[in-house]
Each structure stands twice: as structure tokens, then as C-alpha cells.
Amino acid sequence: MSQYSPEEIGFIDETSKDERTAFRRNGRARKGMRAQRRGIFVQGRRLSAVGLLTLDGMAASNVIKGSFTAEKFVHFLEHDVLPLCSPYPGPLSVLVMDNACIHHHGEVRELVRNAGM
């Protein structure tokens, strides 16, 4: 990453929340005993957010009901992110994403390459 200037880099990430978000997934119990959690199971409404963070702050974002699919992520990339980008080595020409499966969709790579990045 040190070969890129801070102006060239943008970070994309997504997150989500529903009624279960605050519940722990792991627990503790005495040796030989099983950890238990009691509560009412409610999945509730899920909200998901995705954003593009640059040196200047949040450059693009989107919040949807439900979860991001590859198609919804591609739409965000194509309509909200790439119009702000420039071909490498210009400003915002390097996008950093985590290893989420929606980032591996074939159209993601194609869109980014076609934008000269």
C-alpha cells in the first residue's frame, strides 16, 4: 500500500444490523456445563449500509432494507462509486475492499478494470 498516495485510495465496506446484532454468539459456563441463553428469538428488520471512505471523508454511501447482494453492490459501485473515481494513477484510483463474497462477483472486476483502475 505504501506505493500509493493517500489521495489515490478509497476504502469500501459494508455493515448490517438487525434485532439480533447486540446478542453475543459465544458464552461461558462452568466446566462440564453447557452455556445457555434465554430470550425471545426475533429476527426483525435488517438494515445494511455500504460506504466509500476517502482521505476527505465519506464520499458515497447507501442504506437498504435487507442484505447487500452482489447485484446491489454492483449497482452501488457503478452508480455511486465509479463516477467519483479516475483512472490510475489519478485521485481515487485505487479501491480497497475486504474479502466479502459480493466483492468477487465477475462484474465488479470488469467495472473496475473498464474504469482504468
PDB file of N, CA and C in Angstrom:
ATOM      1  N   MET A   1       0.813  -1.194   0.000  1.00  0.00           N
ATOM      2  CA  MET A   1       0.000   0.000   0.000  1.00  0.00           C
ATOM      3  C   MET A   1       0.862   1.266   0.000  1.00  0.00           C
ATOM      4  N   SER A   2       2.106   1.143   0.419  1.00  0.00           N
ATOM      5  CA  SER A   2       2.944   2.334   0.532  1.00  0.00           C
ATOM      6  C   SER A   2       3.267   2.954  -0.827  1.00  0.00           C
ATOM      7  N   GLN A   3       3.060   2.209  -1.911  1.00  0.00           N
ATOM      8  CA  GLN A   3       3.347   2.767  -3.235  1.00  0.00           C
ATOM      9  C   GLN A   3       2.246   3.727  -3.706  1.00  0.00           C
ATOM     10  N   TYR A   4       1.124   3.770  -2.997  1.00  0.00           N
ATOM     11  CA  TYR A   4       0.013   4.644  -3.380  1.00  0.00           C
ATOM     12  C   TYR A   4      -0.021   5.872  -2.485  1.00  0.00           C
ATOM     13  N   SER A   5      -0.389   7.003  -3.074  1.00  0.00           N
ATOM     14  CA  SER A   5      -0.558   8.206  -2.259  1.00  0.00           C
ATOM     15  C   SER A   5      -1.940   8.151  -1.601  1.00  0.00           C
ATOM     16  N   PRO A   6      -2.118   8.816  -0.475  1.00  0.00           N
ATOM     17  CA  PRO A   6      -3.413   8.788   0.209  1.00  0.00           C
ATOM     18  C   PRO A   6      -4.566   9.285  -0.659  1.00  0.00           C
ATOM     19  N   GLU A   7      -4.293  10.195  -1.582  1.00  0.00           N
ATOM     20  CA  GLU A   7      -5.346  10.729  -2.454  1.00  0.00           C
ATOM     21  C   GLU A   7      -5.848   9.692  -3.452  1.00  0.00           C
ATOM     22  N   GLU A   8      -5.040   8.675  -3.726  1.00  0.00           N
ATOM     23  CA  GLU A   8      -5.409   7.646  -4.703  1.00  0.00           C
ATOM     24  C   GLU A   8      -6.320   6.568  -4.118  1.00  0.00           C
ATOM     25  N   ILE A   9      -6.374   6.456  -2.795  1.00  0.00           N
ATOM     26  CA  ILE A   9      -7.006   5.302  -2.157  1.00  0.00           C
ATOM     27  C   ILE A   9      -8.410   5.614  -1.652  1.00  0.00           C
ATOM     28  N   GLY A  10      -9.327   4.668  -1.894  1.00  0.00           N
ATOM     29  CA  GLY A  10     -10.671   4.701  -1.331  1.00  0.00           C
ATOM     30  C   GLY A  10     -10.993   3.342  -0.729  1.00  0.00           C
ATOM     31  N   PHE A  11     -11.631   3.337   0.420  1.00  0.00           N
ATOM     32  CA  PHE A  11     -11.981   2.098   1.110  1.00  0.00           C
ATOM     33  C   PHE A  11     -13.487   1.883   1.044  1.00  0.00           C
ATOM     34  N   ILE A  12     -13.894   0.691   0.624  1.00  0.00           N
ATOM     35  CA  ILE A  12     -15.309   0.341   0.552  1.00  0.00           C
ATOM     36  C   ILE A  12     -15.583  -0.754   1.573  1.00  0.00           C
ATOM     37  N   ASP A  13     -16.650  -0.579   2.365  1.00  0.00           N
ATOM     38  CA  ASP A  13     -17.039  -1.620   3.313  1.00  0.00           C
ATOM     39  C   ASP A  13     -18.534  -1.533   3.548  1.00  0.00           C
ATOM     40  N   GLU A  14     -19.083  -2.647   3.993  1.00  0.00           N
ATOM     41  CA  GLU A  14     -20.498  -2.705   4.282  1.00  0.00           C
ATOM     42  C   GLU A  14     -20.716  -3.292   5.670  1.00  0.00           C
ATOM     43  N   THR A  15     -21.869  -2.977   6.234  1.00  0.00           N
ATOM     44  CA  THR A  15     -22.247  -3.488   7.543  1.00  0.00           C
ATOM     45  C   THR A  15     -23.752  -3.666   7.560  1.00  0.00           C
ATOM     46  N   SER A  16     -24.255  -4.389   8.552  1.00  0.00           N
ATOM     47  CA  SER A  16     -25.700  -4.560   8.667  1.00  0.00           C
ATOM     48  C   SER A  16     -26.088  -4.673  10.132  1.00  0.00           C
ATOM     49  N   LYS A  17     -27.363  -4.474  10.392  1.00  0.00           N
ATOM     50  CA  LYS A  17     -27.889  -4.547  11.746  1.00  0.00           C
ATOM     51  C   LYS A  17     -29.309  -5.077  11.699  1.00  0.00           C
ATOM     52  N   ASP A  18     -29.619  -5.947  12.650  1.00  0.00           N
ATOM     53  CA  ASP A  18     -30.999  -6.349  12.889  1.00  0.00           C
ATOM     54  C   ASP A  18     -31.178  -6.494  14.394  1.00  0.00           C
ATOM     55  N   GLU A  19     -32.312  -7.011  14.818  1.00  0.00           N
ATOM     56  CA  GLU A  19     -32.607  -7.095  16.247  1.00  0.00           C
ATOM     57  C   GLU A  19     -31.651  -8.020  16.995  1.00  0.00           C
ATOM     58  N   ARG A  20     -30.968  -8.906  16.303  1.00  0.00           N
ATOM     59  CA  ARG A  20     -30.062  -9.852  16.950  1.00  0.00           C
ATOM     60  C   ARG A  20     -28.639  -9.331  17.057  1.00  0.00           C
ATOM     61  N   THR A  21     -28.327  -8.193  16.498  1.00  0.00           N
ATOM     62  CA  THR A  21     -26.952  -7.708  16.414  1.00  0.00           C
ATOM     63  C   THR A  21     -26.278  -7.611  17.780  1.00  0.00           C
ATOM     64  N   ALA A  22     -27.002  -7.181  18.797  1.00  0.00           N
ATOM     65  CA  ALA A  22     -26.402  -6.965  20.110  1.00  0.00           C
ATOM     66  C   ALA A  22     -26.205  -8.255  20.903  1.00  0.00           C
ATOM     67  N   PHE A  23     -26.784  -9.366  20.467  1.00  0.00           N
ATOM     68  CA  PHE A  23     -26.656 -10.620  21.212  1.00  0.00           C
ATOM     69  C   PHE A  23     -25.292 -11.245  20.999  1.00  0.00           C
ATOM     70  N   ARG A  24     -24.715 -11.745  22.066  1.00  0.00           N
ATOM     71  CA  ARG A  24     -23.444 -12.464  21.975  1.00  0.00           C
ATOM     72  C   ARG A  24     -23.660 -13.798  21.279  1.00  0.00           C
ATOM     73  N   ARG A  25     -22.671 -14.228  20.548  1.00  0.00           N
ATOM     74  CA  ARG A  25     -22.751 -15.528  19.883  1.00  0.00           C
ATOM     75  C   ARG A  25     -22.005 -16.598  20.663  1.00  0.00           C
ATOM     76  N   ASN A  26     -21.191 -16.179  21.606  1.00  0.00           N
ATOM     77  CA  ASN A  26     -20.441 -17.109  22.443  1.00  0.00           C
ATOM     78  C   ASN A  26     -20.801 -16.853  23.894  1.00  0.00           C
ATOM     79  N   GLY A  27     -20.665 -17.875  24.712  1.00  0.00           N
ATOM     80  CA  GLY A  27     -20.972 -17.731  26.128  1.00  0.00           C
ATOM     81  C   GLY A  27     -19.992 -18.516  26.973  1.00  0.00           C
ATOM     82  N   ARG A  28     -20.129 -18.391  28.280  1.00  0.00           N
ATOM     83  CA  ARG A  28     -19.269 -19.109  29.219  1.00  0.00           C
ATOM     84  C   ARG A  28     -20.149 -19.894  30.172  1.00  0.00           C
ATOM     85  N   ALA A  29     -19.612 -21.008  30.617  1.00  0.00           N
ATOM     86  CA  ALA A  29     -20.312 -21.838  31.596  1.00  0.00           C
ATOM     87  C   ALA A  29     -19.273 -22.569  32.430  1.00  0.00           C
ATOM     88  N   ARG A  30     -19.718 -23.103  33.545  1.00  0.00           N
ATOM     89  CA  ARG A  30     -18.817 -23.903  34.370  1.00  0.00           C
ATOM     90  C   ARG A  30     -18.377 -25.131  33.601  1.00  0.00           C
ATOM     91  N   LYS A  31     -17.236 -25.637  33.969  1.00  0.00           N
ATOM     92  CA  LYS A  31     -16.685 -26.817  33.320  1.00  0.00           C
ATOM     93  C   LYS A  31     -17.704 -27.958  33.369  1.00  0.00           C
ATOM     94  N   GLY A  32     -17.923 -28.568  32.212  1.00  0.00           N
ATOM     95  CA  GLY A  32     -18.871 -29.668  32.111  1.00  0.00           C
ATOM     96  C   GLY A  32     -20.311 -29.225  31.899  1.00  0.00           C
ATOM     97  N   MET A  33     -20.578 -27.947  31.998  1.00  0.00           N
ATOM     98  CA  MET A  33     -21.937 -27.422  31.801  1.00  0.00           C
ATOM     99  C   MET A  33     -22.012 -26.743  30.436  1.00  0.00           C
ATOM    100  N   ARG A  34     -23.196 -26.693  29.886  1.00  0.00           N
ATOM    101  CA  ARG A  34     -23.417 -26.053  28.599  1.00  0.00           C
ATOM    102  C   ARG A  34     -23.859 -24.601  28.816  1.00  0.00           C
ATOM    103  N   ALA A  35     -23.280 -23.689  28.059  1.00  0.00           N
ATOM    104  CA  ALA A  35     -23.695 -22.286  28.146  1.00  0.00           C
ATOM    105  C   ALA A  35     -25.086 -22.150  27.545  1.00  0.00           C
ATOM    106  N   GLN A  36     -25.946 -21.413  28.228  1.00  0.00           N
ATOM    107  CA  GLN A  36     -27.313 -21.227  27.741  1.00  0.00           C
ATOM    108  C   GLN A  36     -27.643 -19.743  27.698  1.00  0.00           C
ATOM    109  N   ARG A  37     -28.492 -19.416  26.770  1.00  0.00           N
ATOM    110  CA  ARG A  37     -29.003 -18.052  26.694  1.00  0.00           C
ATOM    111  C   ARG A  37     -30.509 -18.154  26.536  1.00  0.00           C
ATOM    112  N   ARG A  38     -31.198 -17.414  27.319  1.00  0.00           N
ATOM    113  CA  ARG A  38     -32.650 -17.418  27.211  1.00  0.00           C
ATOM    114  C   ARG A  38     -33.088 -16.067  26.673  1.00  0.00           C
ATOM    115  N   GLY A  39     -34.038 -16.111  25.797  1.00  0.00           N
ATOM    116  CA  GLY A  39     -34.560 -14.880  25.232  1.00  0.00           C
ATOM    117  C   GLY A  39     -35.545 -15.191  24.130  1.00  0.00           C
ATOM    118  N   ILE A  40     -36.228 -14.190  23.716  1.00  0.00           N
ATOM    119  CA  ILE A  40     -37.197 -14.343  22.637  1.00  0.00           C
ATOM    120  C   ILE A  40     -36.456 -14.159  21.324  1.00  0.00           C
ATOM    121  N   PHE A  41     -36.626 -15.108  20.420  1.00  0.00           N
ATOM    122  CA  PHE A  41     -35.967 -15.015  19.123  1.00  0.00           C
ATOM    123  C   PHE A  41     -36.792 -14.118  18.210  1.00  0.00           C
ATOM    124  N   VAL A  42     -36.216 -12.990  17.860  1.00  0.00           N
ATOM    125  CA  VAL A  42     -36.857 -12.071  16.925  1.00  0.00           C
ATOM    126  C   VAL A  42     -35.799 -11.631  15.935  1.00  0.00           C
ATOM    127  N   GLN A  43     -35.991 -11.957  14.681  1.00  0.00           N
ATOM    128  CA  GLN A  43     -35.017 -11.524  13.688  1.00  0.00           C
ATOM    129  C   GLN A  43     -35.244 -10.064  13.336  1.00  0.00           C
ATOM    130  N   GLY A  44     -36.462  -9.672  13.158  1.00  0.00           N
ATOM    131  CA  GLY A  44     -36.767  -8.278  12.884  1.00  0.00           C
ATOM    132  C   GLY A  44     -36.289  -7.799  11.529  1.00  0.00           C
ATOM    133  N   ARG A  45     -36.357  -6.507  11.359  1.00  0.00           N
ATOM    134  CA  ARG A  45     -35.966  -5.884  10.099  1.00  0.00           C
ATOM    135  C   ARG A  45     -34.455  -5.719  10.051  1.00  0.00           C
ATOM    136  N   ARG A  46     -33.881  -5.991   8.904  1.00  0.00           N
ATOM    137  CA  ARG A  46     -32.433  -5.873   8.717  1.00  0.00           C
ATOM    138  C   ARG A  46     -32.155  -4.652   7.843  1.00  0.00           C
ATOM    139  N   LEU A  47     -31.215  -3.829   8.286  1.00  0.00           N
ATOM    140  CA  LEU A  47     -30.744  -2.694   7.504  1.00  0.00           C
ATOM    141  C   LEU A  47     -29.276  -2.918   7.186  1.00  0.00           C
ATOM    142  N   SER A  48     -28.884  -2.617   5.968  1.00  0.00           N
ATOM    143  CA  SER A  48     -27.493  -2.751   5.548  1.00  0.00           C
ATOM    144  C   SER A  48     -27.011  -1.425   4.980  1.00  0.00           C
ATOM    145  N   ALA A  49     -25.747  -1.130   5.232  1.00  0.00           N
ATOM    146  CA  ALA A  49     -25.148   0.114   4.742  1.00  0.00           C
ATOM    147  C   ALA A  49     -23.818  -0.201   4.076  1.00  0.00           C
ATOM    148  N   VAL A  50     -23.506   0.567   3.050  1.00  0.00           N
ATOM    149  CA  VAL A  50     -22.217   0.455   2.371  1.00  0.00           C
ATOM    150  C   VAL A  50     -21.693   1.871   2.175  1.00  0.00           C
ATOM    151  N   GLY A  51     -20.375   2.023   2.249  1.00  0.00           N
ATOM    152  CA  GLY A  51     -19.813   3.351   2.095  1.00  0.00           C
ATOM    153  C   GLY A  51     -18.444   3.330   1.446  1.00  0.00           C
ATOM    154  N   LEU A  52     -18.091   4.458   0.879  1.00  0.00           N
ATOM    155  CA  LEU A  52     -16.772   4.693   0.293  1.00  0.00           C
ATOM    156  C   LEU A  52     -16.099   5.777   1.120  1.00  0.00           C
ATOM    157  N   LEU A  53     -15.019   5.417   1.794  1.00  0.00           N
ATOM    158  CA  LEU A  53     -14.284   6.351   2.636  1.00  0.00           C
ATOM    159  C   LEU A  53     -13.000   6.766   1.932  1.00  0.00           C
ATOM    160  N   THR A  54     -12.795   8.076   1.809  1.00  0.00           N
ATOM    161  CA  THR A  54     -11.597   8.618   1.174  1.00  0.00           C
ATOM    162  C   THR A  54     -10.857   9.499   2.180  1.00  0.00           C
ATOM    163  N   LEU A  55      -9.760  10.054   1.747  1.00  0.00           N
ATOM    164  CA  LEU A  55      -8.987  10.958   2.592  1.00  0.00           C
ATOM    165  C   LEU A  55      -9.832  12.153   3.036  1.00  0.00           C
ATOM    166  N   ASP A  56     -10.791  12.554   2.212  1.00  0.00           N
ATOM    167  CA  ASP A  56     -11.642  13.701   2.517  1.00  0.00           C
ATOM    168  C   ASP A  56     -12.888  13.341   3.311  1.00  0.00           C
ATOM    169  N   GLY A  57     -13.084  12.065   3.619  1.00  0.00           N
ATOM    170  CA  GLY A  57     -14.262  11.642   4.376  1.00  0.00           C
ATOM    171  C   GLY A  57     -15.115  10.674   3.577  1.00  0.00           C
ATOM    172  N   MET A  58     -16.374  10.549   3.983  1.00  0.00           N
ATOM    173  CA  MET A  58     -17.298   9.635   3.323  1.00  0.00           C
ATOM    174  C   MET A  58     -17.729  10.242   1.991  1.00  0.00           C
ATOM    175  N   ALA A  59     -17.336   9.600   0.889  1.00  0.00           N
ATOM    176  CA  ALA A  59     -17.612  10.138  -0.445  1.00  0.00           C
ATOM    177  C   ALA A  59     -18.911   9.605  -1.026  1.00  0.00           C
ATOM    178  N   ALA A  60     -19.302   8.388  -0.659  1.00  0.00           N
ATOM    179  CA  ALA A  60     -20.540   7.789  -1.164  1.00  0.00           C
ATOM    180  C   ALA A  60     -21.047   6.806  -0.127  1.00  0.00           C
ATOM    181  N   SER A  61     -22.369   6.684  -0.030  1.00  0.00           N
ATOM    182  CA  SER A  61     -22.950   5.718   0.899  1.00  0.00           C
ATOM    183  C   SER A  61     -24.346   5.349   0.435  1.00  0.00           C
ATOM    184  N   ASN A  62     -24.824   4.221   0.947  1.00  0.00           N
ATOM    185  CA  ASN A  62     -26.166   3.759   0.618  1.00  0.00           C
ATOM    186  C   ASN A  62     -26.654   2.873   1.752  1.00  0.00           C
ATOM    187  N   VAL A  63     -27.911   3.021   2.127  1.00  0.00           N
ATOM    188  CA  VAL A  63     -28.546   2.183   3.143  1.00  0.00           C
ATOM    189  C   VAL A  63     -29.759   1.539   2.504  1.00  0.00           C
ATOM    190  N   ILE A  64     -29.899   0.218   2.699  1.00  0.00           N
ATOM    191  CA  ILE A  64     -31.023  -0.508   2.115  1.00  0.00           C
ATOM    192  C   ILE A  64     -31.677  -1.389   3.172  1.00  0.00           C
ATOM    193  N   LYS A  65     -32.928  -1.783   2.921  1.00  0.00           N
ATOM    194  CA  LYS A  65     -33.580  -2.804   3.733  1.00  0.00           C
ATOM    195  C   LYS A  65     -33.104  -4.154   3.238  1.00  0.00           C
ATOM    196  N   GLY A  66     -32.800  -5.056   4.155  1.00  0.00           N
ATOM    197  CA  GLY A  66     -32.305  -6.371   3.773  1.00  0.00           C
ATOM    198  C   GLY A  66     -30.793  -6.373   3.694  1.00  0.00           C
ATOM    199  N   SER A  67     -30.265  -7.361   3.010  1.00  0.00           N
ATOM    200  CA  SER A  67     -28.816  -7.528   2.890  1.00  0.00           C
ATOM    201  C   SER A  67     -28.336  -7.138   1.503  1.00  0.00           C
ATOM    202  N   PHE A  68     -27.068  -6.764   1.419  1.00  0.00           N
ATOM    203  CA  PHE A  68     -26.484  -6.472   0.115  1.00  0.00           C
ATOM    204  C   PHE A  68     -26.210  -7.773  -0.620  1.00  0.00           C
ATOM    205  N   THR A  69     -26.698  -7.843  -1.834  1.00  0.00           N
ATOM    206  CA  THR A  69     -26.373  -8.948  -2.731  1.00  0.00           C
ATOM    207  C   THR A  69     -25.296  -8.452  -3.681  1.00  0.00           C
ATOM    208  N   ALA A  70     -24.741  -9.368  -4.454  1.00  0.00           N
ATOM    209  CA  ALA A  70     -23.730  -8.965  -5.439  1.00  0.00           C
ATOM    210  C   ALA A  70     -24.317  -7.946  -6.408  1.00  0.00           C
ATOM    211  N   GLU A  71     -25.555  -8.153  -6.821  1.00  0.00           N
ATOM    212  CA  GLU A  71     -26.184  -7.234  -7.775  1.00  0.00           C
ATOM    213  C   GLU A  71     -26.366  -5.843  -7.174  1.00  0.00           C
ATOM    214  N   LYS A  72     -26.783  -5.772  -5.912  1.00  0.00           N
ATOM    215  CA  LYS A  72     -26.961  -4.470  -5.262  1.00  0.00           C
ATOM    216  C   LYS A  72     -25.612  -3.773  -5.064  1.00  0.00           C
ATOM    217  N   PHE A  73     -24.578  -4.551  -4.757  1.00  0.00           N
ATOM    218  CA  PHE A  73     -23.246  -3.969  -4.602  1.00  0.00           C
ATOM    219  C   PHE A  73     -22.726  -3.444  -5.935  1.00  0.00           C
ATOM    220  N   VAL A  74     -22.937  -4.207  -7.009  1.00  0.00           N
ATOM    221  CA  VAL A  74     -22.519  -3.773  -8.349  1.00  0.00           C
ATOM    222  C   VAL A  74     -23.223  -2.467  -8.707  1.00  0.00           C
ATOM    223  N   HIS A  75     -24.507  -2.356  -8.382  1.00  0.00           N
ATOM    224  CA  HIS A  75     -25.259  -1.125  -8.658  1.00  0.00           C
ATOM    225  C   HIS A  75     -24.641   0.054  -7.897  1.00  0.00           C
ATOM    226  N   PHE A  76     -24.323  -0.144  -6.621  1.00  0.00           N
ATOM    227  CA  PHE A  76     -23.681   0.909  -5.827  1.00  0.00           C
ATOM    228  C   PHE A  76     -22.344   1.308  -6.443  1.00  0.00           C
ATOM    229  N   LEU A  77     -21.557   0.324  -6.811  1.00  0.00           N
ATOM    230  CA  LEU A  77     -20.248   0.579  -7.409  1.00  0.00           C
ATOM    231  C   LEU A  77     -20.382   1.369  -8.708  1.00  0.00           C
ATOM    232  N   GLU A  78     -21.285   0.925  -9.562  1.00  0.00           N
ATOM    233  CA  GLU A  78     -21.442   1.530 -10.887  1.00  0.00           C
ATOM    234  C   GLU A  78     -22.020   2.939 -10.826  1.00  0.00           C
ATOM    235  N   HIS A  79     -23.002   3.162  -9.952  1.00  0.00           N
ATOM    236  CA  HIS A  79     -23.722   4.441  -9.956  1.00  0.00           C
ATOM    237  C   HIS A  79     -23.242   5.449  -8.914  1.00  0.00           C
ATOM    238  N   ASP A  80     -22.640   4.970  -7.827  1.00  0.00           N
ATOM    239  CA  ASP A  80     -22.244   5.887  -6.758  1.00  0.00           C
ATOM    240  C   ASP A  80     -20.731   6.041  -6.600  1.00  0.00           C
ATOM    241  N   VAL A  81     -19.975   4.962  -6.851  1.00  0.00           N
ATOM    242  CA  VAL A  81     -18.530   4.997  -6.600  1.00  0.00           C
ATOM    243  C   VAL A  81     -17.738   5.371  -7.847  1.00  0.00           C
ATOM    244  N   LEU A  82     -17.892   4.609  -8.907  1.00  0.00           N
ATOM    245  CA  LEU A  82     -17.053   4.808 -10.096  1.00  0.00           C
ATOM    246  C   LEU A  82     -17.171   6.192 -10.732  1.00  0.00           C
ATOM    247  N   PRO A  83     -18.336   6.849 -10.691  1.00  0.00           N
ATOM    248  CA  PRO A  83     -18.364   8.219 -11.221  1.00  0.00           C
ATOM    249  C   PRO A  83     -17.438   9.185 -10.468  1.00  0.00           C
ATOM    250  N   LEU A  84     -17.074   8.853  -9.234  1.00  0.00           N
ATOM    251  CA  LEU A  84     -16.177   9.698  -8.442  1.00  0.00           C
ATOM    252  C   LEU A  84     -14.704   9.367  -8.665  1.00  0.00           C
ATOM    253  N   CYS A  85     -14.440   8.223  -9.281  1.00  0.00           N
ATOM    254  CA  CYS A  85     -13.074   7.720  -9.442  1.00  0.00           C
ATOM    255  C   CYS A  85     -12.440   8.220 -10.732  1.00  0.00           C
ATOM    256  N   SER A  86     -11.126   8.067 -10.797  1.00  0.00           N
ATOM    257  CA  SER A  86     -10.396   8.403 -12.018  1.00  0.00           C
ATOM    258  C   SER A  86      -9.431   7.263 -12.330  1.00  0.00           C
ATOM    259  N   PRO A  87      -8.983   7.176 -13.588  1.00  0.00           N
ATOM    260  CA  PRO A  87      -8.029   6.120 -13.945  1.00  0.00           C
ATOM    261  C   PRO A  87      -6.731   6.256 -13.147  1.00  0.00           C
ATOM    262  N   TYR A  88      -6.097   5.134 -12.909  1.00  0.00           N
ATOM    263  CA  TYR A  88      -4.829   5.107 -12.177  1.00  0.00           C
ATOM    264  C   TYR A  88      -3.756   5.817 -12.988  1.00  0.00           C
ATOM    265  N   PRO A  89      -2.980   6.668 -12.410  1.00  0.00           N
ATOM    266  CA  PRO A  89      -2.704   6.968 -11.011  1.00  0.00           C
ATOM    267  C   PRO A  89      -3.367   8.246 -10.507  1.00  0.00           C
ATOM    268  N   GLY A  90      -4.545   8.555 -10.952  1.00  0.00           N
ATOM    269  CA  GLY A  90      -5.230   9.771 -10.535  1.00  0.00           C
ATOM    270  C   GLY A  90      -5.826   9.667  -9.147  1.00  0.00           C
ATOM    271  N   PRO A  91      -6.469  10.751  -8.713  1.00  0.00           N
ATOM    272  CA  PRO A  91      -7.131  10.729  -7.406  1.00  0.00           C
ATOM    273  C   PRO A  91      -8.232   9.670  -7.386  1.00  0.00           C
ATOM    274  N   LEU A  92      -8.360   9.007  -6.282  1.00  0.00           N
ATOM    275  CA  LEU A  92      -9.356   7.948  -6.076  1.00  0.00           C
ATOM    276  C   LEU A  92      -9.318   6.924  -7.216  1.00  0.00           C
ATOM    277  N   SER A  93      -8.156   6.347  -7.419  1.00  0.00           N
ATOM    278  CA  SER A  93      -7.976   5.370  -8.493  1.00  0.00           C
ATOM    279  C   SER A  93      -7.639   3.974  -7.975  1.00  0.00           C
ATOM    280  N   VAL A  94      -7.579   3.824  -6.649  1.00  0.00           N
ATOM    281  CA  VAL A  94      -7.306   2.524  -6.027  1.00  0.00           C
ATOM    282  C   VAL A  94      -8.412   2.253  -5.012  1.00  0.00           C
ATOM    283  N   LEU A  95      -9.170   1.187  -5.218  1.00  0.00           N
ATOM    284  CA  LEU A  95     -10.240   0.820  -4.289  1.00  0.00           C
ATOM    285  C   LEU A  95      -9.794  -0.372  -3.455  1.00  0.00           C
ATOM    286  N   VAL A  96      -9.967  -0.259  -2.150  1.00  0.00           N
ATOM    287  CA  VAL A  96      -9.613  -1.334  -1.220  1.00  0.00           C
ATOM    288  C   VAL A  96     -10.906  -1.909  -0.663  1.00  0.00           C
ATOM    289  N   MET A  97     -11.074  -3.227  -0.823  1.00  0.00           N
ATOM    290  CA  MET A  97     -12.260  -3.924  -0.321  1.00  0.00           C
ATOM    291  C   MET A  97     -11.814  -5.135   0.479  1.00  0.00           C
ATOM    292  N   ASP A  98     -12.660  -5.589   1.393  1.00  0.00           N
ATOM    293  CA  ASP A  98     -12.335  -6.809   2.126  1.00  0.00           C
ATOM    294  C   ASP A  98     -12.671  -8.024   1.266  1.00  0.00           C
ATOM    295  N   ASN A  99     -12.635  -9.183   1.850  1.00  0.00           N
ATOM    296  CA  ASN A  99     -12.790 -10.427   1.103  1.00  0.00           C
ATOM    297  C   ASN A  99     -14.240 -10.915   1.061  1.00  0.00           C
ATOM    298  N   ALA A 100     -15.209 -10.026   1.213  1.00  0.00           N
ATOM    299  CA  ALA A 100     -16.618 -10.433   1.174  1.00  0.00           C
ATOM    300  C   ALA A 100     -16.946 -11.055  -0.180  1.00  0.00           C
ATOM    301  N   CYS A 101     -17.785 -12.068  -0.169  1.00  0.00           N
ATOM    302  CA  CYS A 101     -18.080 -12.792  -1.411  1.00  0.00           C
ATOM    303  C   CYS A 101     -18.725 -11.896  -2.467  1.00  0.00           C
ATOM    304  N   ILE A 102     -19.467 -10.866  -2.060  1.00  0.00           N
ATOM    305  CA  ILE A 102     -20.085  -9.991  -3.062  1.00  0.00           C
ATOM    306  C   ILE A 102     -19.049  -9.186  -3.832  1.00  0.00           C
ATOM    307  N   HIS A 103     -17.846  -9.047  -3.279  1.00  0.00           N
ATOM    308  CA  HIS A 103     -16.775  -8.327  -3.981  1.00  0.00           C
ATOM    309  C   HIS A 103     -16.130  -9.178  -5.059  1.00  0.00           C
ATOM    310  N   HIS A 104     -16.391 -10.482  -5.060  1.00  0.00           N
ATOM    311  CA  HIS A 104     -15.785 -11.396  -6.033  1.00  0.00           C
ATOM    312  C   HIS A 104     -16.665 -11.614  -7.259  1.00  0.00           C
ATOM    313  N   HIS A 105     -17.800 -10.967  -7.311  1.00  0.00           N
ATOM    314  CA  HIS A 105     -18.689 -11.086  -8.468  1.00  0.00           C
ATOM    315  C   HIS A 105     -17.924 -10.637  -9.713  1.00  0.00           C
ATOM    316  N   GLY A 106     -18.053 -11.368 -10.798  1.00  0.00           N
ATOM    317  CA  GLY A 106     -17.305 -11.073 -12.016  1.00  0.00           C
ATOM    318  C   GLY A 106     -17.503  -9.666 -12.535  1.00  0.00           C
ATOM    319  N   GLU A 107     -18.688  -9.128 -12.343  1.00  0.00           N
ATOM    320  CA  GLU A 107     -18.973  -7.788 -12.850  1.00  0.00           C
ATOM    321  C   GLU A 107     -18.218  -6.707 -12.069  1.00  0.00           C
ATOM    322  N   VAL A 108     -17.887  -6.965 -10.811  1.00  0.00           N
ATOM    323  CA  VAL A 108     -17.131  -5.991 -10.012  1.00  0.00           C
ATOM    324  C   VAL A 108     -15.765  -5.755 -10.647  1.00  0.00           C
ATOM    325  N   ARG A 109     -15.053  -6.828 -10.903  1.00  0.00           N
ATOM    326  CA  ARG A 109     -13.718  -6.707 -11.514  1.00  0.00           C
ATOM    327  C   ARG A 109     -13.812  -6.036 -12.883  1.00  0.00           C
ATOM    328  N   GLU A 110     -14.805  -6.426 -13.667  1.00  0.00           N
ATOM    329  CA  GLU A 110     -14.971  -5.864 -15.016  1.00  0.00           C
ATOM    330  C   GLU A 110     -15.226  -4.357 -14.960  1.00  0.00           C
ATOM    331  N   LEU A 111     -16.111  -3.920 -14.067  1.00  0.00           N
ATOM    332  CA  LEU A 111     -16.409  -2.491 -13.944  1.00  0.00           C
ATOM    333  C   LEU A 111     -15.170  -1.692 -13.539  1.00  0.00           C
ATOM    334  N   VAL A 112     -14.428  -2.218 -12.573  1.00  0.00           N
ATOM    335  CA  VAL A 112     -13.242  -1.513 -12.087  1.00  0.00           C
ATOM    336  C   VAL A 112     -12.173  -1.441 -13.176  1.00  0.00           C
ATOM    337  N   ARG A 113     -11.948  -2.533 -13.862  1.00  0.00           N
ATOM    338  CA  ARG A 113     -10.949  -2.544 -14.955  1.00  0.00           C
ATOM    339  C   ARG A 113     -11.362  -1.595 -16.085  1.00  0.00           C
ATOM    340  N   ASN A 114     -12.638  -1.597 -16.440  1.00  0.00           N
ATOM    341  CA  ASN A 114     -13.116  -0.709 -17.507  1.00  0.00           C
ATOM    342  C   ASN A 114     -12.998   0.763 -17.126  1.00  0.00           C
ATOM    343  N   ALA A 115     -12.957   1.039 -15.823  1.00  0.00           N
ATOM    344  CA  ALA A 115     -12.788   2.419 -15.353  1.00  0.00           C
ATOM    345  C   ALA A 115     -11.315   2.829 -15.345  1.00  0.00           C
ATOM    346  N   GLY A 116     -10.421   1.914 -15.737  1.00  0.00           N
ATOM    347  CA  GLY A 116      -8.998   2.231 -15.800  1.00  0.00           C
ATOM    348  C   GLY A 116      -8.287   2.130 -14.474  1.00  0.00           C
ATOM    349  N   MET A 117      -8.865   1.390 -13.570  1.00  0.00           N
ATOM    350  CA  MET A 117      -8.286   1.268 -12.227  1.00  0.00           C
ATOM    351  C   MET A 117      -7.590  -0.065 -12.064  1.00  0.00           C
TER     352      MET A 117
END
